Amino acid sequence: MAPPQGPRAPLEFGGPMGAAALMLLLPATVFHLLLAARSGPARLLGPPASLPGLGALWSPRALLLWLAWLGLQAALYLLPARKVAKGLELKDKSRLRYPINGFQALVLTALLVGLGMSAGLPLGALPEMLLPLAFVATLTAFIFSLFLYLKAQVAPVSALAPGGNSGNPIYDFFLGRELNPRICSFDFKYFCELRPGLIGWVLINLALLVKEAELRGSPSLAMWLVNGFQLLYVGDALWHEEAVLTTMDITHDGFGFMLAFGDIAWVPFTYSLQAQFLLHHPQPLGLPMAAIICLINAIGYYIFRGANSQKNTFRKNPSDPRVAGLETISTATGRQLLVSGWWGMVRHPNYLGDLIMALAWSLPCGVSHLLPYFYLLYFTALLVHREARDERQCLQKYGLAWHEYCRRVPYRIMPYIY
């Protein structure tokens, strides 16, 4: 199938060479972090003390467990939803329908895990399986991405993504050719975005907490904080699941290795890094410091949720009393750009809240090691890069109106800094 007509979007991520490098670097980073977290030095920089053999990576038991997890989450996705939402209008003027039942899937998963533990499920054994689980998740991402690439060969032109159709197979495999790959009503990208990886992240955290209790008699305060903060974040994402339908991942990016690997392998095995670190490197944490960290997380969450809720409310109904009084800039497309409220403070206040929460997740791990701060460092780089992509797209879409918005709101993420 030929790529869409018209000028091609500029290649991102360094083009084919950058895409090929990232397909090697990202899995290597996951395994480096898993090995470093359990090692004595716990070095973020520098090689691990020893490399695992194939026997430490490949496990039929881990494969069966991984496939069972994916099957469970797929079954929960197919359950009747509390709401069915429509996505944004596509090139062919259609609007896809999406089940809004992610929070329901989280609750049902928690109930099933709770029942399993009461029946003797050894959840504390899961931390010892993280390496082989990450290995099969990575294999799954490569195989799944190949399926998506081949499926896109027979997709209609209107179904292809703007950026993943360069004609270079490596680049298109990485970025993803088809915008919304589906079989019947099962949307692969939407399913992977918030389900197996995100819920798997909190399950891994819980398993690490259980393992710490087995080793030391009870979980540490630091482990409780990390589990609580990150459970709040995941629960919030799934409760507000409908908001993902307007994000760049859903509306612009194709579904290829970049998102598939990120969703099902990167998220659960690297976002749980703080809990992994605390299991192997317990940190003392007093109540005064814990209270300060809780306040930092609360501030980040308040900014994050306030900004996202304001944006989503305005997109749904600009006449809503909660946003009707906000100042806007009209664009040639007929849309309005918020220039007051949260979105008049910086251009991406939700990113600011995200970064403050990331700091709060790392602080319970102390300051003796850089490793637990990997998420903060990585997420800063990710959001700066994503913000640059947003800028290019908004400039192309809104033109002079975007220039005016940038003049009125000069700071991108951090007021008076960036």
Protein backbone atom coordinates (compact mmCIF):
# COMPACT_ATOMS: atom_id res chain seq x y z
CA MET A 1 0.00 0.00 0.00
CA ALA A 2 1.46 3.34 -0.98
CA PRO A 3 1.98 5.99 1.68
CA PRO A 4 -0.41 8.95 1.85
CA GLN A 5 -0.13 11.57 -0.83
CA GLY A 6 1.35 14.98 -0.14
CA PRO A 7 4.58 16.13 1.48
CA ARG A 8 6.13 13.69 3.87
CA ALA A 9 6.61 14.63 7.49
CA PRO A 10 10.27 15.11 8.49
CA LEU A 11 11.85 11.99 9.95
CA GLU A 12 12.17 11.96 13.73
CA PHE A 13 14.43 10.12 16.20
CA GLY A 14 17.41 10.46 13.83
CA GLY A 15 15.70 8.67 10.93
CA PRO A 16 16.37 4.98 10.13
CA MET A 17 19.76 4.90 11.87
CA GLY A 18 18.32 6.44 15.02
CA ALA A 19 15.37 4.05 14.96
CA ALA A 20 17.67 1.03 14.59
CA ALA A 21 19.85 2.27 17.45
CA LEU A 22 16.85 2.81 19.71
CA MET A 23 15.54 -0.70 19.02
CA LEU A 24 18.81 -1.99 20.48
CA LEU A 25 19.38 0.64 23.15
CA LEU A 26 15.92 0.57 24.76
CA PRO A 27 15.84 -3.19 25.53
CA ALA A 28 19.48 -3.03 26.66
CA THR A 29 18.56 -0.20 29.05
CA VAL A 30 15.71 -2.24 30.56
CA PHE A 31 18.02 -5.17 31.32
CA HIS A 32 20.78 -2.90 32.60
CA LEU A 33 18.38 -1.29 35.07
CA LEU A 34 17.00 -4.65 36.24
CA LEU A 35 20.52 -5.94 36.84
CA ALA A 36 21.77 -2.74 38.46
CA ALA A 37 18.85 -2.54 40.90
CA ARG A 38 19.67 -5.93 42.37
CA SER A 39 23.45 -5.50 42.37
CA GLY A 40 25.43 -4.31 45.38
CA PRO A 41 26.84 -1.10 43.85
CA ALA A 42 23.50 -0.26 42.15
CA ARG A 43 25.33 1.91 39.60
CA LEU A 44 23.27 3.68 36.97
CA LEU A 45 26.38 4.38 34.92
CA GLY A 46 28.86 1.65 34.18
CA PRO A 47 28.53 -2.02 33.19
CA PRO A 48 26.77 -4.54 35.47
CA ALA A 49 28.93 -6.74 37.64
CA SER A 50 28.07 -9.78 35.49
CA LEU A 51 25.94 -10.47 32.45
CA PRO A 52 23.18 -13.08 32.72
CA GLY A 53 23.29 -16.18 30.55
CA LEU A 54 20.44 -17.30 28.35
CA GLY A 55 19.26 -19.60 31.14
CA ALA A 56 18.63 -16.57 33.36
CA LEU A 57 16.64 -14.84 30.62
CA TRP A 58 14.57 -17.61 29.08
CA SER A 59 11.93 -19.33 31.17
CA PRO A 60 8.91 -21.26 29.84
CA ARG A 61 7.20 -20.47 33.15
CA ALA A 62 7.73 -16.75 32.58
CA LEU A 63 6.38 -17.06 29.03
CA LEU A 64 3.21 -18.80 30.24
CA LEU A 65 2.77 -16.22 33.00
CA TRP A 66 3.23 -13.35 30.52
CA LEU A 67 0.77 -14.81 28.01
CA ALA A 68 -1.74 -15.43 30.81
CA TRP A 69 -1.37 -11.79 31.90
CA LEU A 70 -1.97 -10.49 28.38
CA GLY A 71 -4.93 -12.85 28.01
CA LEU A 72 -6.45 -11.69 31.28
CA GLN A 73 -6.16 -8.02 30.38
CA ALA A 74 -7.58 -8.67 26.90
CA ALA A 75 -10.54 -10.48 28.45
CA LEU A 76 -11.15 -7.58 30.85
CA TYR A 77 -10.94 -5.15 27.91
CA LEU A 78 -13.77 -7.05 26.20
CA LEU A 79 -16.08 -6.90 29.22
CA PRO A 80 -19.07 -4.54 29.02
CA ALA A 81 -17.82 -0.99 29.62
CA ARG A 82 -19.30 1.67 31.89
CA LYS A 83 -19.10 3.96 28.88
CA VAL A 84 -18.20 3.81 25.19
CA ALA A 85 -16.50 6.96 23.91
CA LYS A 86 -15.85 8.19 20.39
CA GLY A 87 -12.37 9.20 19.29
CA LEU A 88 -11.48 12.24 17.23
CA GLU A 89 -12.57 12.45 13.61
CA LEU A 90 -10.28 10.53 11.24
CA LYS A 91 -9.26 11.29 7.65
CA ASP A 92 -12.28 9.42 6.28
CA LYS A 93 -14.57 11.44 8.63
CA SER A 94 -15.32 8.40 10.78
CA ARG A 95 -14.92 8.25 14.56
CA LEU A 96 -13.83 5.05 16.26
CA ARG A 97 -15.52 3.80 19.42
CA TYR A 98 -13.55 2.88 22.54
CA PRO A 99 -14.61 1.03 25.72
CA ILE A 100 -13.95 3.05 28.86
CA ASN A 101 -13.36 0.23 31.33
CA GLY A 102 -9.69 0.54 32.30
CA PHE A 103 -10.42 1.37 35.93
CA GLN A 104 -12.82 -1.55 36.01
CA ALA A 105 -9.97 -3.76 34.74
CA LEU A 106 -7.70 -2.45 37.53
CA VAL A 107 -10.27 -3.20 40.24
CA LEU A 108 -11.05 -6.67 38.87
CA THR A 109 -7.34 -7.45 38.58
CA ALA A 110 -6.85 -6.38 42.21
CA LEU A 111 -9.72 -8.62 43.30
CA LEU A 112 -8.32 -11.59 41.38
CA VAL A 113 -4.83 -11.05 42.81
CA GLY A 114 -6.29 -10.71 46.31
CA LEU A 115 -8.24 -13.95 45.91
CA GLY A 116 -5.14 -15.65 44.55
CA MET A 117 -3.02 -14.52 47.50
CA SER A 118 -5.63 -15.72 49.96
CA ALA A 119 -5.49 -19.10 48.20
CA GLY A 120 -1.69 -19.20 48.46
CA LEU A 121 -0.53 -17.39 45.32
CA PRO A 122 3.21 -16.74 45.92
CA LEU A 123 3.25 -13.14 44.74
CA GLY A 124 6.56 -12.61 46.53
CA ALA A 125 8.21 -14.92 43.98
CA LEU A 126 7.52 -12.48 41.14
CA PRO A 127 10.57 -10.23 41.77
CA GLU A 128 12.87 -13.18 41.03
CA MET A 129 11.20 -13.53 37.61
CA LEU A 130 11.60 -9.95 36.43
CA LEU A 131 14.52 -10.70 34.09
CA PRO A 132 12.82 -13.54 32.18
CA LEU A 133 9.51 -11.66 32.18
CA ALA A 134 11.21 -8.60 30.68
CA PHE A 135 12.85 -10.89 28.12
CA VAL A 136 9.56 -12.42 26.94
CA ALA A 137 7.91 -8.97 26.98
CA THR A 138 10.68 -7.69 24.69
CA LEU A 139 10.29 -10.68 22.37
CA THR A 140 6.55 -10.06 22.34
CA ALA A 141 7.11 -6.42 21.37
CA PHE A 142 9.30 -7.38 18.40
CA ILE A 143 6.94 -10.10 17.16
CA PHE A 144 3.87 -7.94 17.70
CA SER A 145 5.50 -5.02 15.88
CA LEU A 146 6.25 -7.27 12.90
CA PHE A 147 2.59 -8.30 12.82
CA LEU A 148 1.54 -4.63 12.94
CA TYR A 149 3.96 -3.73 10.14
CA LEU A 150 2.65 -6.53 7.91
CA LYS A 151 -0.96 -5.71 8.74
CA ALA A 152 -0.38 -2.11 7.65
CA GLN A 153 0.61 -3.32 4.17
CA VAL A 154 -3.04 -4.04 3.40
CA ALA A 155 -4.54 -1.12 5.33
CA PRO A 156 -6.28 1.64 3.33
CA VAL A 157 -4.37 4.87 2.83
CA SER A 158 -6.83 6.70 5.09
CA ALA A 159 -5.87 4.40 7.98
CA LEU A 160 -2.15 5.19 7.88
CA ALA A 161 -0.36 7.49 10.33
CA PRO A 162 1.21 10.79 9.27
CA GLY A 163 4.74 9.96 10.35
CA GLY A 164 5.34 6.21 9.99
CA ASN A 165 5.22 5.91 6.20
CA SER A 166 8.61 7.06 5.00
CA GLY A 167 9.18 4.05 2.77
CA ASN A 168 12.13 2.92 4.91
CA PRO A 169 11.16 -0.40 6.54
CA ILE A 170 13.31 0.05 9.66
CA TYR A 171 11.99 3.52 10.41
CA ASP A 172 8.39 2.58 9.64
CA PHE A 173 8.66 -0.61 11.72
CA PHE A 174 9.84 1.51 14.65
CA LEU A 175 7.39 4.38 14.36
CA GLY A 176 4.38 2.39 13.14
CA ARG A 177 2.55 2.68 9.83
CA GLU A 178 -1.10 2.24 10.83
CA LEU A 179 -2.72 4.81 13.11
CA ASN A 180 -5.39 2.64 14.73
CA PRO A 181 -4.74 -1.06 13.98
CA ARG A 182 -7.75 -3.15 14.90
CA ILE A 183 -9.25 -6.59 14.50
CA CYS A 184 -13.00 -6.13 14.63
CA SER A 185 -13.54 -3.73 17.54
CA PHE A 186 -10.33 -4.67 19.41
CA ASP A 187 -8.00 -1.66 19.15
CA PHE A 188 -4.42 -2.82 19.72
CA LYS A 189 -2.88 0.59 20.42
CA TYR A 190 -5.61 1.71 22.80
CA PHE A 191 -5.47 -1.64 24.64
CA CYS A 192 -1.69 -1.51 25.09
CA GLU A 193 -1.61 2.18 26.04
CA LEU A 194 -3.11 1.79 29.53
CA ARG A 195 -3.76 -1.88 30.27
CA PRO A 196 -1.10 -4.64 30.46
CA GLY A 197 1.91 -2.42 31.12
CA LEU A 198 0.35 0.15 33.44
CA ILE A 199 -1.56 -2.36 35.56
CA GLY A 200 1.48 -4.66 35.40
CA TRP A 201 3.58 -1.85 36.87
CA VAL A 202 1.50 -1.64 40.05
CA LEU A 203 1.37 -5.44 40.29
CA ILE A 204 5.18 -5.62 40.17
CA ASN A 205 5.34 -2.88 42.81
CA LEU A 206 2.97 -4.87 45.02
CA ALA A 207 5.04 -8.03 44.55
CA LEU A 208 8.17 -6.14 45.60
CA LEU A 209 6.34 -4.86 48.70
CA VAL A 210 5.23 -8.40 49.56
CA LYS A 211 8.77 -9.70 49.06
CA GLU A 212 10.17 -6.99 51.34
CA ALA A 213 7.65 -7.98 54.02
CA GLU A 214 8.77 -11.61 53.68
CA LEU A 215 12.44 -10.65 54.02
CA ARG A 216 12.22 -8.01 56.77
CA GLY A 217 8.96 -8.66 58.60
CA SER A 218 7.11 -5.65 57.20
CA PRO A 219 7.38 -3.24 54.27
CA SER A 220 9.38 -0.10 54.86
CA LEU A 221 7.82 3.35 54.92
CA ALA A 222 9.74 4.21 51.75
CA MET A 223 8.25 1.17 49.97
CA TRP A 224 4.75 2.13 51.11
CA LEU A 225 5.20 5.64 49.74
CA VAL A 226 6.47 4.49 46.35
CA ASN A 227 3.63 1.97 46.03
CA GLY A 228 1.02 4.51 47.13
CA PHE A 229 2.23 7.35 44.88
CA GLN A 230 2.46 5.16 41.80
CA LEU A 231 -0.86 3.42 42.46
CA LEU A 232 -2.49 6.87 42.64
CA TYR A 233 -0.92 7.77 39.30
CA VAL A 234 -2.08 4.59 37.57
CA GLY A 235 -5.52 4.74 39.14
CA ASP A 236 -5.89 8.34 38.01
CA ALA A 237 -4.85 7.46 34.43
CA LEU A 238 -7.38 4.64 34.25
CA TRP A 239 -10.17 6.62 35.93
CA HIS A 240 -9.67 9.37 33.33
CA GLU A 241 -9.06 6.86 30.55
CA GLU A 242 -11.18 8.76 28.04
CA ALA A 243 -8.67 11.63 28.09
CA VAL A 244 -6.08 9.44 26.33
CA LEU A 245 -8.19 9.64 23.16
CA THR A 246 -6.95 13.20 22.54
CA THR A 247 -3.25 12.51 23.22
CA MET A 248 -0.52 12.48 20.57
CA ASP A 249 -0.05 8.72 20.98
CA ILE A 250 -3.63 8.03 19.86
CA THR A 251 -4.31 10.87 17.43
CA HIS A 252 -0.96 11.18 15.62
CA ASP A 253 1.56 8.38 16.18
CA GLY A 254 1.36 5.09 14.35
CA PHE A 255 1.48 1.88 16.33
CA GLY A 256 4.86 0.26 15.86
CA PHE A 257 7.78 -0.87 17.97
CA MET A 258 8.20 2.49 19.69
CA LEU A 259 4.81 2.40 21.38
CA ALA A 260 4.44 -1.39 21.59
CA PHE A 261 7.74 -1.86 23.42
CA GLY A 262 7.16 1.23 25.52
CA ASP A 263 3.71 0.12 26.61
CA ILE A 264 4.29 -3.55 27.40
CA ALA A 265 7.98 -3.76 28.34
CA TRP A 266 9.46 -0.36 29.19
CA VAL A 267 6.67 0.84 31.48
CA PRO A 268 6.28 -2.12 33.87
CA PHE A 269 9.97 -2.99 34.16
CA THR A 270 11.55 0.48 34.35
CA TYR A 271 8.79 2.47 36.07
CA SER A 272 8.96 0.01 38.99
CA LEU A 273 12.68 0.80 39.41
CA GLN A 274 12.29 2.66 42.73
CA ALA A 275 10.51 -0.30 44.33
CA GLN A 276 13.12 -2.68 42.88
CA PHE A 277 15.90 -0.54 44.35
CA LEU A 278 14.28 -0.41 47.79
CA LEU A 279 13.90 -4.19 47.95
CA HIS A 280 17.64 -4.69 47.53
CA HIS A 281 18.84 -1.43 49.13
CA PRO A 282 16.54 -0.51 52.05
CA GLN A 283 16.59 3.16 53.00
CA PRO A 284 15.74 4.72 56.37
CA LEU A 285 12.96 7.29 56.16
CA GLY A 286 11.61 9.32 59.08
CA LEU A 287 8.10 10.69 59.37
CA PRO A 288 9.06 14.37 58.90
CA MET A 289 10.84 13.65 55.62
CA ALA A 290 8.01 11.34 54.54
CA ALA A 291 5.52 14.17 55.16
CA ILE A 292 7.60 16.55 53.01
CA ILE A 293 7.76 13.97 50.20
CA CYS A 294 3.98 13.45 50.42
CA LEU A 295 3.50 17.22 50.12
CA ILE A 296 5.73 17.34 47.02
CA ASN A 297 3.75 14.52 45.42
CA ALA A 298 0.46 16.22 46.32
CA ILE A 299 1.61 19.49 44.69
CA GLY A 300 2.66 17.64 41.54
CA TYR A 301 -0.60 15.71 41.40
CA TYR A 302 -2.65 18.87 41.97
CA ILE A 303 -0.95 20.61 39.02
CA PHE A 304 -1.10 17.50 36.82
CA ARG A 305 -4.76 16.73 37.46
CA GLY A 306 -5.87 20.37 37.46
CA ALA A 307 -4.23 21.09 34.10
CA ASN A 308 -5.46 17.92 32.42
CA SER A 309 -9.01 18.32 33.76
CA GLN A 310 -9.16 21.94 32.62
CA LYS A 311 -7.99 21.00 29.12
CA ASN A 312 -10.38 18.06 28.80
CA THR A 313 -13.35 20.06 30.11
CA PHE A 314 -12.64 22.84 27.62
CA ARG A 315 -12.31 20.41 24.72
CA LYS A 316 -15.63 18.76 25.56
CA ASN A 317 -17.60 21.91 26.25
CA PRO A 318 -16.04 25.40 26.10
CA SER A 319 -19.26 26.77 27.62
CA ASP A 320 -18.86 24.73 30.80
CA PRO A 321 -18.96 27.16 33.77
CA ARG A 322 -15.62 25.81 35.01
CA VAL A 323 -13.81 27.05 31.87
CA ALA A 324 -16.20 29.54 30.25
CA GLY A 325 -14.40 32.53 31.78
CA LEU A 326 -10.93 31.54 30.57
CA GLU A 327 -9.24 33.72 27.96
CA THR A 328 -8.62 32.13 24.56
CA ILE A 329 -6.97 32.80 21.20
CA SER A 330 -8.93 31.95 18.04
CA THR A 331 -7.21 29.88 15.35
CA ALA A 332 -7.78 29.55 11.61
CA THR A 333 -9.02 25.98 12.18
CA GLY A 334 -11.89 27.24 14.35
CA ARG A 335 -10.39 25.90 17.57
CA GLN A 336 -9.54 28.00 20.60
CA LEU A 337 -6.22 28.03 22.47
CA LEU A 338 -6.43 28.52 26.22
CA VAL A 339 -4.24 31.41 27.31
CA SER A 340 -5.25 31.69 30.96
CA GLY A 341 -5.76 29.30 33.85
CA TRP A 342 -3.21 26.48 34.04
CA TRP A 343 -2.45 26.81 30.31
CA GLY A 344 -1.61 30.48 30.70
CA MET A 345 1.09 29.67 33.27
CA VAL A 346 3.22 27.46 31.00
CA ARG A 347 2.51 25.72 27.70
CA HIS A 348 2.58 22.27 29.27
CA PRO A 349 1.57 22.51 32.94
CA ASN A 350 0.66 18.80 32.96
CA TYR A 351 4.32 18.00 32.18
CA LEU A 352 5.39 20.17 35.12
CA GLY A 353 3.11 18.23 37.46
CA ASP A 354 4.43 14.96 36.04
CA LEU A 355 8.03 15.93 36.78
CA ILE A 356 7.26 17.05 40.34
CA MET A 357 5.60 13.70 41.00
CA ALA A 358 8.58 11.90 39.46
CA LEU A 359 10.84 13.65 41.97
CA ALA A 360 8.56 12.57 44.83
CA TRP A 361 8.70 8.95 43.68
CA SER A 362 12.52 8.99 43.79
CA LEU A 363 13.10 10.83 47.07
CA PRO A 364 12.06 7.86 49.32
CA CYS A 365 15.10 6.07 47.90
CA GLY A 366 17.48 8.56 49.50
CA VAL A 367 20.27 10.44 47.76
CA SER A 368 23.15 7.98 47.97
CA HIS A 369 22.48 6.47 44.53
CA LEU A 370 21.61 7.96 41.15
CA LEU A 371 19.84 4.80 39.98
CA PRO A 372 16.39 5.51 41.52
CA TYR A 373 16.43 8.91 39.83
CA PHE A 374 16.66 7.34 36.38
CA TYR A 375 12.91 7.78 35.89
CA LEU A 376 13.15 11.49 36.65
CA LEU A 377 16.10 11.94 34.28
CA TYR A 378 14.55 9.87 31.51
CA PHE A 379 11.13 11.47 31.91
CA THR A 380 12.63 14.96 31.75
CA ALA A 381 14.32 14.10 28.45
CA LEU A 382 11.14 12.43 27.16
CA LEU A 383 8.90 15.38 27.99
CA VAL A 384 11.33 17.94 26.55
CA HIS A 385 11.43 15.90 23.33
CA ARG A 386 7.65 15.45 23.30
CA GLU A 387 7.18 19.16 23.93
CA ALA A 388 9.36 19.92 20.90
CA ARG A 389 7.20 17.56 18.79
CA ASP A 390 4.09 19.30 20.12
CA GLU A 391 5.53 22.68 19.18
CA ARG A 392 6.18 21.63 15.58
CA GLN A 393 2.71 20.16 15.16
CA CYS A 394 0.92 23.10 16.76
CA LEU A 395 2.88 25.58 14.66
CA GLN A 396 1.93 23.67 11.52
CA LYS A 397 -1.71 23.42 12.60
CA TYR A 398 -2.34 26.86 14.09
CA GLY A 399 0.23 29.10 12.40
CA LEU A 400 -0.01 32.75 13.51
CA ALA A 401 -2.29 31.88 16.43
CA TRP A 402 0.41 29.60 17.84
CA HIS A 403 3.01 32.36 17.49
CA GLU A 404 0.69 34.63 19.48
CA TYR A 405 0.17 31.95 22.13
CA CYS A 406 3.93 31.47 22.51
CA ARG A 407 4.36 35.24 22.88
CA ARG A 408 1.71 35.33 25.61
CA VAL A 409 2.97 32.15 27.33
CA PRO A 410 6.76 32.18 26.86
CA TYR A 411 7.68 29.31 29.20
CA ARG A 412 7.28 25.77 27.96
CA ILE A 413 7.34 23.52 31.07
CA MET A 414 9.04 25.25 34.02
CA PRO A 415 8.06 28.86 34.80
CA TYR A 416 11.00 31.30 34.47
CA ILE A 417 13.38 28.42 33.67
CA TYR A 418 12.27 26.58 30.52
